[in-house]
Amino acid sequence: MFGLWRPRVLGAWKVPATGPVIFAVNHSHNIDGPMVMGVAPRPTHFLIKKEAFIGPLDPFLLGIGQVKVDRESTDRTAITQALSVLDNGGVLGIFPEGTRGEGDFAALRAGLAYFAVRGNAPIVPVAVLGSSDRPGRLIKGLPPLRSRVDVVFGDPFEAGDGSGRRTRRALDEATERIQKQLTEHLENARRLTGR
């Protein structure tokens, strides 16, 4: 990432050095996940749509520990693998909106709350800014080479209410808390970076 672009990484010191952690990353461009993996202070295992696992990318992504997920159904294999990452004290990366979009955390899916509560893992909000500002001249699908991309790590927070409940209502309440925290982090990251 540092060879192709000029990432500016802010707040990486806020990431807990050990134990399970979830990175909740906004998603407006296809380099957001690789950018976070390339600059994060800990190895990260992202939940990635199964459609990305094609050709030589399939063994590569699996080899570096990424988790293939079928977004069309309840993918029990992916859920088990993701919980295993957390159970082993690793970092799980999630795009909580489920797909690429505006990257503003406006429409969260319940999966993030489930993994945070079930995996007993704090959430670290991560804002990737500048990846979708303008297309590159050489490769239209990527940001311009050597352009600035900001990656801002926020303060870790707990999604649950401390009760350990995993009911539908508890997860809905956790999702509301998460959305508020992620939106605030994104606003602060934009203010901090001037984007």
N, C-alpha and C. Protein backbone atom coordinates (compact mmCIF):
# COMPACT_ATOMS: atom_id res chain seq x y z
N MET A 1 0.82 -1.19 0.00
CA MET A 1 0.00 0.00 0.00
C MET A 1 0.87 1.26 0.00
N PHE A 2 1.96 1.21 0.78
CA PHE A 2 2.82 2.38 0.86
C PHE A 2 3.59 2.61 -0.44
N GLY A 3 3.76 1.57 -1.25
CA GLY A 3 4.45 1.72 -2.52
C GLY A 3 3.57 2.31 -3.61
N LEU A 4 2.27 2.03 -3.55
CA LEU A 4 1.36 2.49 -4.60
C LEU A 4 0.67 3.82 -4.26
N TRP A 5 0.34 4.01 -2.98
CA TRP A 5 -0.33 5.23 -2.55
C TRP A 5 0.44 5.85 -1.40
N ARG A 6 -0.08 6.92 -0.86
CA ARG A 6 0.56 7.57 0.29
C ARG A 6 -0.42 7.56 1.47
N PRO A 7 -0.56 6.40 2.12
CA PRO A 7 -1.50 6.34 3.24
C PRO A 7 -1.01 7.17 4.42
N ARG A 8 -1.94 7.87 5.03
CA ARG A 8 -1.67 8.57 6.29
C ARG A 8 -2.49 7.82 7.34
N VAL A 9 -1.81 7.24 8.31
CA VAL A 9 -2.47 6.40 9.32
C VAL A 9 -2.53 7.18 10.62
N LEU A 10 -3.73 7.36 11.12
CA LEU A 10 -3.94 8.10 12.37
C LEU A 10 -4.65 7.21 13.38
N GLY A 11 -4.20 7.27 14.62
CA GLY A 11 -4.87 6.56 15.71
C GLY A 11 -4.58 5.08 15.81
N ALA A 12 -3.58 4.56 15.10
CA ALA A 12 -3.29 3.12 15.16
C ALA A 12 -2.94 2.68 16.58
N TRP A 13 -2.44 3.58 17.38
CA TRP A 13 -2.08 3.26 18.77
C TRP A 13 -3.32 2.92 19.61
N LYS A 14 -4.51 3.27 19.12
CA LYS A 14 -5.74 2.99 19.86
C LYS A 14 -6.17 1.52 19.76
N VAL A 15 -5.61 0.79 18.80
CA VAL A 15 -5.98 -0.62 18.61
C VAL A 15 -5.39 -1.44 19.75
N PRO A 16 -6.22 -2.19 20.49
CA PRO A 16 -5.69 -3.04 21.56
C PRO A 16 -4.60 -3.98 21.02
N ALA A 17 -3.51 -4.10 21.76
CA ALA A 17 -2.36 -4.87 21.29
C ALA A 17 -2.62 -6.38 21.30
N THR A 18 -3.53 -6.82 22.16
CA THR A 18 -3.82 -8.25 22.25
C THR A 18 -5.33 -8.45 22.42
N GLY A 19 -5.74 -9.68 22.26
CA GLY A 19 -7.14 -10.03 22.47
C GLY A 19 -7.99 -9.80 21.24
N PRO A 20 -9.22 -10.32 21.26
CA PRO A 20 -10.10 -10.19 20.11
C PRO A 20 -10.52 -8.74 19.88
N VAL A 21 -10.55 -8.36 18.61
CA VAL A 21 -10.94 -7.01 18.21
C VAL A 21 -11.69 -7.11 16.89
N ILE A 22 -12.66 -6.23 16.71
CA ILE A 22 -13.34 -6.12 15.41
C ILE A 22 -13.07 -4.74 14.84
N PHE A 23 -12.55 -4.70 13.61
CA PHE A 23 -12.45 -3.44 12.88
C PHE A 23 -13.75 -3.26 12.10
N ALA A 24 -14.47 -2.17 12.37
CA ALA A 24 -15.67 -1.84 11.61
C ALA A 24 -15.27 -0.75 10.63
N VAL A 25 -15.18 -1.10 9.34
CA VAL A 25 -14.59 -0.24 8.33
C VAL A 25 -15.66 0.27 7.37
N ASN A 26 -15.64 1.59 7.10
CA ASN A 26 -16.54 2.10 6.06
C ASN A 26 -16.05 1.58 4.71
N HIS A 27 -16.94 1.53 3.73
CA HIS A 27 -16.58 0.86 2.48
C HIS A 27 -17.13 1.62 1.29
N SER A 28 -16.25 2.43 0.67
CA SER A 28 -16.68 3.17 -0.51
C SER A 28 -15.86 2.80 -1.74
N HIS A 29 -14.80 2.01 -1.56
CA HIS A 29 -13.95 1.63 -2.69
C HIS A 29 -13.39 0.24 -2.45
N ASN A 30 -13.04 -0.46 -3.54
CA ASN A 30 -12.55 -1.84 -3.38
C ASN A 30 -11.15 -1.93 -2.79
N ILE A 31 -10.42 -0.83 -2.64
CA ILE A 31 -9.11 -0.94 -1.98
C ILE A 31 -9.19 -0.70 -0.48
N ASP A 32 -10.38 -0.40 0.06
CA ASP A 32 -10.49 -0.09 1.49
C ASP A 32 -10.01 -1.25 2.36
N GLY A 33 -10.46 -2.46 2.08
CA GLY A 33 -10.02 -3.62 2.86
C GLY A 33 -8.53 -3.87 2.76
N PRO A 34 -7.98 -3.97 1.53
CA PRO A 34 -6.53 -4.16 1.42
C PRO A 34 -5.73 -3.02 2.07
N MET A 35 -6.25 -1.80 1.99
CA MET A 35 -5.55 -0.67 2.61
C MET A 35 -5.47 -0.87 4.12
N VAL A 36 -6.60 -1.24 4.75
CA VAL A 36 -6.60 -1.47 6.19
C VAL A 36 -5.66 -2.62 6.54
N MET A 37 -5.72 -3.72 5.77
CA MET A 37 -4.82 -4.86 6.03
C MET A 37 -3.37 -4.43 5.94
N GLY A 38 -3.06 -3.54 5.00
CA GLY A 38 -1.68 -3.12 4.78
C GLY A 38 -1.13 -2.17 5.82
N VAL A 39 -2.01 -1.41 6.51
CA VAL A 39 -1.51 -0.40 7.45
C VAL A 39 -1.86 -0.69 8.90
N ALA A 40 -2.72 -1.66 9.16
CA ALA A 40 -3.16 -1.96 10.54
C ALA A 40 -1.99 -2.47 11.38
N PRO A 41 -2.01 -2.17 12.68
CA PRO A 41 -0.93 -2.63 13.55
C PRO A 41 -0.99 -4.12 13.90
N ARG A 42 -2.09 -4.79 13.52
CA ARG A 42 -2.23 -6.23 13.77
C ARG A 42 -2.76 -6.90 12.51
N PRO A 43 -2.40 -8.17 12.29
CA PRO A 43 -2.95 -8.90 11.14
C PRO A 43 -4.48 -8.94 11.22
N THR A 44 -5.13 -8.78 10.07
CA THR A 44 -6.58 -8.67 10.03
C THR A 44 -7.18 -9.70 9.10
N HIS A 45 -8.25 -10.34 9.56
CA HIS A 45 -8.99 -11.33 8.77
C HIS A 45 -10.35 -10.72 8.42
N PHE A 46 -10.54 -10.36 7.16
CA PHE A 46 -11.78 -9.72 6.73
C PHE A 46 -12.81 -10.74 6.29
N LEU A 47 -14.08 -10.43 6.54
CA LEU A 47 -15.19 -11.14 5.91
C LEU A 47 -15.29 -10.56 4.50
N ILE A 48 -15.10 -11.42 3.48
CA ILE A 48 -15.09 -10.96 2.09
C ILE A 48 -16.11 -11.77 1.29
N LYS A 49 -16.87 -11.09 0.45
CA LYS A 49 -17.88 -11.77 -0.35
C LYS A 49 -17.24 -12.86 -1.20
N LYS A 50 -17.95 -13.98 -1.34
CA LYS A 50 -17.41 -15.15 -2.05
C LYS A 50 -17.08 -14.82 -3.51
N GLU A 51 -17.76 -13.83 -4.09
CA GLU A 51 -17.52 -13.48 -5.50
C GLU A 51 -16.10 -12.96 -5.73
N ALA A 52 -15.42 -12.50 -4.68
CA ALA A 52 -14.05 -11.99 -4.82
C ALA A 52 -13.04 -13.13 -4.91
N PHE A 53 -13.44 -14.33 -4.52
CA PHE A 53 -12.53 -15.47 -4.49
C PHE A 53 -12.53 -16.17 -5.85
N ILE A 54 -11.99 -15.51 -6.86
CA ILE A 54 -11.97 -16.07 -8.21
C ILE A 54 -10.53 -16.22 -8.69
N GLY A 55 -10.31 -17.22 -9.53
CA GLY A 55 -9.00 -17.43 -10.12
C GLY A 55 -7.90 -17.51 -9.08
N PRO A 56 -6.76 -16.86 -9.34
CA PRO A 56 -5.64 -16.92 -8.42
C PRO A 56 -5.89 -16.19 -7.10
N LEU A 57 -6.92 -15.33 -7.06
CA LEU A 57 -7.25 -14.65 -5.80
C LEU A 57 -7.77 -15.61 -4.75
N ASP A 58 -8.44 -16.69 -5.18
CA ASP A 58 -9.02 -17.65 -4.24
C ASP A 58 -7.96 -18.23 -3.29
N PRO A 59 -6.93 -18.91 -3.80
CA PRO A 59 -5.94 -19.47 -2.87
C PRO A 59 -5.15 -18.39 -2.14
N PHE A 60 -4.95 -17.24 -2.79
CA PHE A 60 -4.21 -16.16 -2.13
C PHE A 60 -4.99 -15.64 -0.92
N LEU A 61 -6.27 -15.29 -1.12
CA LEU A 61 -7.08 -14.74 -0.02
C LEU A 61 -7.24 -15.76 1.11
N LEU A 62 -7.48 -17.01 0.75
CA LEU A 62 -7.60 -18.05 1.78
C LEU A 62 -6.27 -18.23 2.50
N GLY A 63 -5.17 -18.15 1.76
CA GLY A 63 -3.84 -18.34 2.33
C GLY A 63 -3.45 -17.26 3.34
N ILE A 64 -3.97 -16.05 3.14
CA ILE A 64 -3.66 -14.98 4.10
C ILE A 64 -4.74 -14.84 5.17
N GLY A 65 -5.63 -15.84 5.23
CA GLY A 65 -6.58 -15.92 6.34
C GLY A 65 -7.87 -15.13 6.20
N GLN A 66 -8.23 -14.78 4.97
CA GLN A 66 -9.49 -14.05 4.79
C GLN A 66 -10.66 -15.05 4.81
N VAL A 67 -11.82 -14.57 5.19
CA VAL A 67 -12.99 -15.43 5.39
C VAL A 67 -13.99 -15.21 4.25
N LYS A 68 -14.25 -16.28 3.50
CA LYS A 68 -15.19 -16.23 2.37
C LYS A 68 -16.62 -16.32 2.91
N VAL A 69 -17.48 -15.37 2.49
CA VAL A 69 -18.85 -15.36 2.99
C VAL A 69 -19.85 -15.27 1.84
N ASP A 70 -20.90 -16.07 1.97
CA ASP A 70 -22.02 -16.03 1.02
C ASP A 70 -23.04 -15.06 1.59
N ARG A 71 -23.21 -13.91 0.94
CA ARG A 71 -24.10 -12.86 1.45
C ARG A 71 -25.57 -13.14 1.17
N GLU A 72 -25.85 -14.17 0.38
CA GLU A 72 -27.23 -14.47 -0.01
C GLU A 72 -27.96 -15.34 1.02
N SER A 73 -27.21 -15.95 1.93
CA SER A 73 -27.83 -16.84 2.91
C SER A 73 -27.08 -16.73 4.23
N THR A 74 -27.56 -17.43 5.24
CA THR A 74 -26.85 -17.51 6.50
C THR A 74 -25.71 -18.50 6.32
N ASP A 75 -24.51 -17.98 6.19
CA ASP A 75 -23.32 -18.80 5.89
C ASP A 75 -22.70 -19.28 7.20
N ARG A 76 -23.13 -20.46 7.66
CA ARG A 76 -22.66 -20.98 8.95
C ARG A 76 -21.16 -21.24 8.97
N THR A 77 -20.60 -21.64 7.84
CA THR A 77 -19.15 -21.87 7.79
C THR A 77 -18.40 -20.56 8.03
N ALA A 78 -18.83 -19.48 7.38
CA ALA A 78 -18.18 -18.19 7.56
C ALA A 78 -18.36 -17.68 9.00
N ILE A 79 -19.54 -17.89 9.57
CA ILE A 79 -19.79 -17.46 10.95
C ILE A 79 -18.85 -18.20 11.90
N THR A 80 -18.72 -19.50 11.71
CA THR A 80 -17.83 -20.30 12.55
C THR A 80 -16.38 -19.85 12.41
N GLN A 81 -15.93 -19.61 11.17
CA GLN A 81 -14.56 -19.15 10.95
C GLN A 81 -14.32 -17.78 11.58
N ALA A 82 -15.29 -16.87 11.44
CA ALA A 82 -15.14 -15.53 12.01
C ALA A 82 -15.08 -15.59 13.54
N LEU A 83 -15.96 -16.39 14.14
CA LEU A 83 -15.92 -16.52 15.60
C LEU A 83 -14.64 -17.18 16.07
N SER A 84 -14.09 -18.07 15.26
CA SER A 84 -12.82 -18.71 15.58
C SER A 84 -11.68 -17.69 15.61
N VAL A 85 -11.70 -16.74 14.66
CA VAL A 85 -10.70 -15.66 14.66
C VAL A 85 -10.75 -14.93 16.00
N LEU A 86 -11.97 -14.58 16.44
CA LEU A 86 -12.13 -13.84 17.71
C LEU A 86 -11.77 -14.72 18.91
N ASP A 87 -12.21 -15.98 18.88
CA ASP A 87 -11.90 -16.90 19.99
C ASP A 87 -10.40 -17.08 20.17
N ASN A 88 -9.65 -16.98 19.07
CA ASN A 88 -8.19 -17.12 19.11
C ASN A 88 -7.48 -15.79 19.37
N GLY A 89 -8.25 -14.75 19.72
CA GLY A 89 -7.65 -13.46 20.05
C GLY A 89 -7.22 -12.64 18.85
N GLY A 90 -7.81 -12.90 17.69
CA GLY A 90 -7.42 -12.20 16.47
C GLY A 90 -8.28 -10.99 16.17
N VAL A 91 -7.97 -10.38 15.01
CA VAL A 91 -8.70 -9.19 14.55
C VAL A 91 -9.57 -9.58 13.37
N LEU A 92 -10.86 -9.29 13.49
CA LEU A 92 -11.82 -9.56 12.43
C LEU A 92 -12.23 -8.24 11.80
N GLY A 93 -12.07 -8.12 10.49
CA GLY A 93 -12.47 -6.91 9.78
C GLY A 93 -13.83 -7.10 9.15
N ILE A 94 -14.72 -6.13 9.36
CA ILE A 94 -16.08 -6.21 8.84
C ILE A 94 -16.45 -4.88 8.19
N PHE A 95 -17.10 -4.98 7.04
CA PHE A 95 -17.73 -3.81 6.43
C PHE A 95 -19.19 -3.87 6.88
N PRO A 96 -19.57 -3.12 7.92
CA PRO A 96 -20.89 -3.31 8.53
C PRO A 96 -22.07 -2.98 7.63
N GLU A 97 -21.83 -2.26 6.53
CA GLU A 97 -22.93 -1.98 5.62
C GLU A 97 -23.17 -3.14 4.67
N GLY A 98 -22.26 -4.09 4.66
CA GLY A 98 -22.45 -5.30 3.88
C GLY A 98 -22.01 -5.21 2.44
N THR A 99 -21.89 -4.00 1.91
CA THR A 99 -21.50 -3.83 0.52
C THR A 99 -20.92 -2.44 0.33
N ARG A 100 -20.25 -2.24 -0.79
CA ARG A 100 -19.68 -0.94 -1.08
C ARG A 100 -20.80 0.07 -1.35
N GLY A 101 -20.62 1.28 -0.86
CA GLY A 101 -21.62 2.33 -1.06
C GLY A 101 -21.01 3.69 -0.80
N GLU A 102 -21.77 4.53 -0.11
CA GLU A 102 -21.27 5.87 0.21
C GLU A 102 -20.19 5.83 1.29
N GLY A 103 -20.13 4.72 2.04
CA GLY A 103 -19.14 4.60 3.10
C GLY A 103 -19.45 5.49 4.29
N ASP A 104 -20.73 5.73 4.55
CA ASP A 104 -21.11 6.64 5.63
C ASP A 104 -21.78 5.94 6.81
N PHE A 105 -21.78 4.61 6.83
CA PHE A 105 -22.38 3.82 7.91
C PHE A 105 -23.88 4.08 8.06
N ALA A 106 -24.55 4.50 6.99
CA ALA A 106 -25.98 4.84 7.09
C ALA A 106 -26.87 3.62 7.25
N ALA A 107 -26.49 2.49 6.69
CA ALA A 107 -27.36 1.31 6.74
C ALA A 107 -26.56 0.11 7.23
N LEU A 108 -26.56 -0.09 8.54
CA LEU A 108 -25.80 -1.20 9.11
C LEU A 108 -26.61 -2.48 9.09
N ARG A 109 -25.93 -3.59 8.88
CA ARG A 109 -26.57 -4.89 9.01
C ARG A 109 -26.27 -5.43 10.41
N ALA A 110 -27.06 -6.38 10.87
CA ALA A 110 -26.96 -6.85 12.26
C ALA A 110 -25.74 -7.73 12.53
N GLY A 111 -25.03 -8.16 11.51
CA GLY A 111 -23.91 -9.07 11.70
C GLY A 111 -22.82 -8.53 12.62
N LEU A 112 -22.51 -7.26 12.51
CA LEU A 112 -21.47 -6.67 13.34
C LEU A 112 -21.83 -6.78 14.81
N ALA A 113 -23.06 -6.45 15.17
CA ALA A 113 -23.49 -6.55 16.57
C ALA A 113 -23.40 -8.00 17.05
N TYR A 114 -23.82 -8.94 16.22
CA TYR A 114 -23.76 -10.35 16.61
C TYR A 114 -22.33 -10.77 16.92
N PHE A 115 -21.39 -10.47 16.02
CA PHE A 115 -20.00 -10.88 16.24
C PHE A 115 -19.39 -10.19 17.45
N ALA A 116 -19.72 -8.91 17.67
CA ALA A 116 -19.17 -8.18 18.81
C ALA A 116 -19.68 -8.75 20.13
N VAL A 117 -20.98 -9.02 20.18
CA VAL A 117 -21.57 -9.54 21.42
C VAL A 117 -21.18 -10.99 21.63
N ARG A 118 -21.33 -11.82 20.60
CA ARG A 118 -21.04 -13.25 20.71
C ARG A 118 -19.55 -13.50 20.92
N GLY A 119 -18.69 -12.71 20.24
CA GLY A 119 -17.25 -12.89 20.34
C GLY A 119 -16.61 -12.14 21.49
N ASN A 120 -17.45 -11.40 22.26
CA ASN A 120 -16.96 -10.61 23.39
C ASN A 120 -15.76 -9.76 22.97
N ALA A 121 -15.91 -9.05 21.84
CA ALA A 121 -14.81 -8.29 21.26
C ALA A 121 -15.17 -6.81 21.17
N PRO A 122 -14.24 -5.94 21.57
CA PRO A 122 -14.49 -4.52 21.36
C PRO A 122 -14.43 -4.19 19.87
N ILE A 123 -15.15 -3.14 19.50
CA ILE A 123 -15.15 -2.67 18.12
C ILE A 123 -14.25 -1.45 18.02
N VAL A 124 -13.37 -1.46 17.01
CA VAL A 124 -12.56 -0.28 16.70
C VAL A 124 -13.09 0.27 15.38
N PRO A 125 -13.68 1.48 15.40
CA PRO A 125 -14.15 2.06 14.13
C PRO A 125 -12.95 2.47 13.28
N VAL A 126 -13.04 2.24 11.98
CA VAL A 126 -11.96 2.60 11.06
C VAL A 126 -12.58 3.35 9.88
N ALA A 127 -12.09 4.56 9.65
CA ALA A 127 -12.55 5.35 8.51
C ALA A 127 -11.45 5.39 7.46
N VAL A 128 -11.78 4.98 6.24
CA VAL A 128 -10.86 5.09 5.11
C VAL A 128 -11.40 6.22 4.25
N LEU A 129 -10.61 7.27 4.11
CA LEU A 129 -11.04 8.47 3.39
C LEU A 129 -10.08 8.78 2.24
N GLY A 130 -10.63 9.13 1.11
CA GLY A 130 -9.82 9.51 -0.04
C GLY A 130 -9.67 8.42 -1.09
N SER A 131 -10.13 7.22 -0.78
CA SER A 131 -9.98 6.11 -1.74
C SER A 131 -10.91 6.26 -2.93
N SER A 132 -12.02 6.99 -2.75
CA SER A 132 -12.99 7.10 -3.85
C SER A 132 -13.15 8.54 -4.35
N ASP A 133 -12.20 9.42 -3.99
CA ASP A 133 -12.32 10.82 -4.40
C ASP A 133 -12.34 11.00 -5.91
N ARG A 134 -11.42 10.31 -6.59
CA ARG A 134 -11.36 10.41 -8.05
C ARG A 134 -10.68 9.17 -8.60
N PRO A 135 -11.03 8.78 -9.83
CA PRO A 135 -10.40 7.60 -10.43
C PRO A 135 -8.99 7.90 -10.91
N GLY A 136 -8.17 6.86 -10.95
CA GLY A 136 -6.82 7.01 -11.46
C GLY A 136 -6.82 7.15 -12.98
N ARG A 137 -5.74 7.70 -13.50
CA ARG A 137 -5.63 7.86 -14.96
C ARG A 137 -5.21 6.56 -15.62
N LEU A 138 -4.31 5.81 -14.97
CA LEU A 138 -3.83 4.56 -15.56
C LEU A 138 -4.83 3.43 -15.40
N ILE A 139 -5.36 3.29 -14.19
CA ILE A 139 -6.33 2.23 -13.90
C ILE A 139 -7.55 2.91 -13.29
N LYS A 140 -8.62 3.00 -14.07
CA LYS A 140 -9.81 3.74 -13.65
C LYS A 140 -10.44 3.19 -12.37
N GLY A 141 -10.29 1.89 -12.12
CA GLY A 141 -10.91 1.27 -10.96
C GLY A 141 -10.15 1.50 -9.66
N LEU A 142 -9.03 2.20 -9.70
CA LEU A 142 -8.23 2.45 -8.51
C LEU A 142 -8.01 3.95 -8.33
N PRO A 143 -7.75 4.38 -7.10
CA PRO A 143 -7.40 5.79 -6.90
C PRO A 143 -6.09 6.09 -7.63
N PRO A 144 -5.84 7.35 -7.95
CA PRO A 144 -4.58 7.68 -8.63
C PRO A 144 -3.37 7.20 -7.81
N LEU A 145 -2.40 6.65 -8.50
CA LEU A 145 -1.18 6.19 -7.83
C LEU A 145 -0.52 7.36 -7.12
N ARG A 146 0.04 7.09 -5.96
CA ARG A 146 0.72 8.05 -5.10
C ARG A 146 -0.22 9.12 -4.51
N SER A 147 -1.54 8.90 -4.61
CA SER A 147 -2.46 9.85 -3.99
C SER A 147 -2.59 9.54 -2.50
N ARG A 148 -3.02 10.53 -1.74
CA ARG A 148 -3.17 10.39 -0.29
C ARG A 148 -4.46 9.65 0.03
N VAL A 149 -4.35 8.62 0.87
CA VAL A 149 -5.51 7.91 1.42
C VAL A 149 -5.34 7.92 2.94
N ASP A 150 -6.34 8.42 3.64
CA ASP A 150 -6.28 8.50 5.10
C ASP A 150 -6.99 7.30 5.72
N VAL A 151 -6.34 6.68 6.71
CA VAL A 151 -6.94 5.59 7.48
C VAL A 151 -6.92 6.04 8.94
N VAL A 152 -8.12 6.21 9.51
CA VAL A 152 -8.23 6.75 10.86
C VAL A 152 -8.87 5.71 11.77
N PHE A 153 -8.10 5.24 12.75
CA PHE A 153 -8.59 4.28 13.75
C PHE A 153 -9.19 5.05 14.92
N GLY A 154 -10.34 4.61 15.40
CA GLY A 154 -11.01 5.28 16.52
C GLY A 154 -10.81 4.54 17.83
N ASP A 155 -11.45 5.07 18.85
CA ASP A 155 -11.39 4.47 20.18
C ASP A 155 -12.21 3.18 20.21
N PRO A 156 -11.68 2.12 20.82
CA PRO A 156 -12.46 0.88 20.94
C PRO A 156 -13.66 1.09 21.86
N PHE A 157 -14.75 0.38 21.56
CA PHE A 157 -15.94 0.46 22.41
C PHE A 157 -16.64 -0.89 22.42
N GLU A 158 -17.43 -1.11 23.47
CA GLU A 158 -18.20 -2.34 23.60
C GLU A 158 -19.57 -2.14 22.97
N ALA A 159 -20.03 -3.11 22.20
CA ALA A 159 -21.33 -3.00 21.55
C ALA A 159 -22.48 -3.37 22.47
N GLY A 160 -22.25 -4.36 23.32
CA GLY A 160 -23.31 -4.85 24.20
C GLY A 160 -23.56 -3.91 25.36
N ASP A 161 -24.60 -4.23 26.12
CA ASP A 161 -24.97 -3.40 27.28
C ASP A 161 -24.36 -3.94 28.57
N GLY A 162 -23.50 -4.95 28.45
CA GLY A 162 -22.86 -5.53 29.62
C GLY A 162 -23.60 -6.70 30.21
N SER A 163 -24.81 -6.97 29.73
CA SER A 163 -25.62 -8.05 30.29
C SER A 163 -25.26 -9.42 29.70
N GLY A 164 -24.62 -9.41 28.53
CA GLY A 164 -24.31 -10.67 27.86
C GLY A 164 -25.48 -11.24 27.07
N ARG A 165 -26.62 -10.53 27.08
CA ARG A 165 -27.79 -11.01 26.35
C ARG A 165 -27.53 -11.00 24.84
N ARG A 166 -28.10 -12.03 24.15
CA ARG A 166 -27.96 -12.11 22.70
C ARG A 166 -29.32 -12.25 22.03
N THR A 167 -30.32 -11.68 22.63
CA THR A 167 -31.67 -11.74 22.06
C THR A 167 -31.75 -10.79 20.86
N ARG A 168 -32.80 -10.92 20.08
CA ARG A 168 -33.00 -10.03 18.93
C ARG A 168 -33.03 -8.57 19.39
N ARG A 169 -33.73 -8.32 20.49
CA ARG A 169 -33.83 -6.95 21.00
C ARG A 169 -32.45 -6.43 21.43
N ALA A 170 -31.68 -7.26 22.12
CA ALA A 170 -30.34 -6.85 22.57
C ALA A 170 -29.45 -6.53 21.36
N LEU A 171 -29.55 -7.34 20.31
CA LEU A 171 -28.73 -7.10 19.12
C LEU A 171 -29.19 -5.85 18.38
N ASP A 172 -30.52 -5.61 18.34
CA ASP A 172 -31.03 -4.38 17.72
C ASP A 172 -30.53 -3.15 18.47
N GLU A 173 -30.55 -3.22 19.80
CA GLU A 173 -30.06 -2.09 20.61
C GLU A 173 -28.56 -1.90 20.40
N ALA A 174 -27.82 -3.01 20.32
CA ALA A 174 -26.38 -2.93 20.08
C ALA A 174 -26.11 -2.31 18.71
N THR A 175 -26.90 -2.67 17.70
CA THR A 175 -26.72 -2.10 16.36
C THR A 175 -26.93 -0.59 16.39
N GLU A 176 -27.92 -0.13 17.15
CA GLU A 176 -28.15 1.32 17.27
C GLU A 176 -26.96 2.02 17.93
N ARG A 177 -26.42 1.41 19.00
CA ARG A 177 -25.24 1.99 19.66
C ARG A 177 -24.06 2.03 18.70
N ILE A 178 -23.88 0.93 17.96
CA ILE A 178 -22.77 0.85 17.01
C ILE A 178 -22.90 1.92 15.94
N GLN A 179 -24.08 2.07 15.38
CA GLN A 179 -24.27 3.05 14.31
C GLN A 179 -23.95 4.46 14.80
N LYS A 180 -24.37 4.79 16.01
CA LYS A 180 -24.09 6.10 16.58
C LYS A 180 -22.58 6.30 16.72
N GLN A 181 -21.88 5.31 17.27
CA GLN A 181 -20.43 5.42 17.47
C GLN A 181 -19.69 5.54 16.14
N LEU A 182 -20.09 4.72 15.15
CA LEU A 182 -19.39 4.73 13.87
C LEU A 182 -19.62 6.05 13.13
N THR A 183 -20.84 6.56 13.19
CA THR A 183 -21.15 7.84 12.54
C THR A 183 -20.35 8.97 13.17
N GLU A 184 -20.28 8.97 14.50
CA GLU A 184 -19.48 10.00 15.19
C GLU A 184 -18.01 9.89 14.82
N HIS A 185 -17.50 8.66 14.75
CA HIS A 185 -16.09 8.48 14.37
C HIS A 185 -15.83 9.01 12.96
N LEU A 186 -16.72 8.70 12.04
CA LEU A 186 -16.55 9.15 10.66
C LEU A 186 -16.55 10.68 10.59
N GLU A 187 -17.46 11.32 11.32
CA GLU A 187 -17.50 12.78 11.35
C GLU A 187 -16.21 13.35 11.91
N ASN A 188 -15.71 12.76 13.01
CA ASN A 188 -14.45 13.21 13.61
C ASN A 188 -13.27 12.99 12.66
N ALA A 189 -13.27 11.85 11.96
CA ALA A 189 -12.19 11.55 11.03
C ALA A 189 -12.17 12.55 9.87
N ARG A 190 -13.36 12.90 9.38
CA ARG A 190 -13.43 13.91 8.30
C ARG A 190 -12.93 15.26 8.79
N ARG A 191 -13.31 15.62 10.00
CA ARG A 191 -12.86 16.90 10.56
C ARG A 191 -11.35 16.88 10.75
N LEU A 192 -10.82 15.79 11.28
CA LEU A 192 -9.40 15.66 11.55
C LEU A 192 -8.56 15.71 10.28
N THR A 193 -9.05 15.08 9.22
CA THR A 193 -8.27 14.99 7.97
C THR A 193 -8.61 16.10 6.97
N GLY A 194 -9.69 16.84 7.21
CA GLY A 194 -10.11 17.88 6.29
C GLY A 194 -10.74 17.32 5.02
N ARG A 195 -11.31 16.12 5.10
CA ARG A 195 -11.94 15.49 3.90
C ARG A 195 -13.44 15.53 4.00
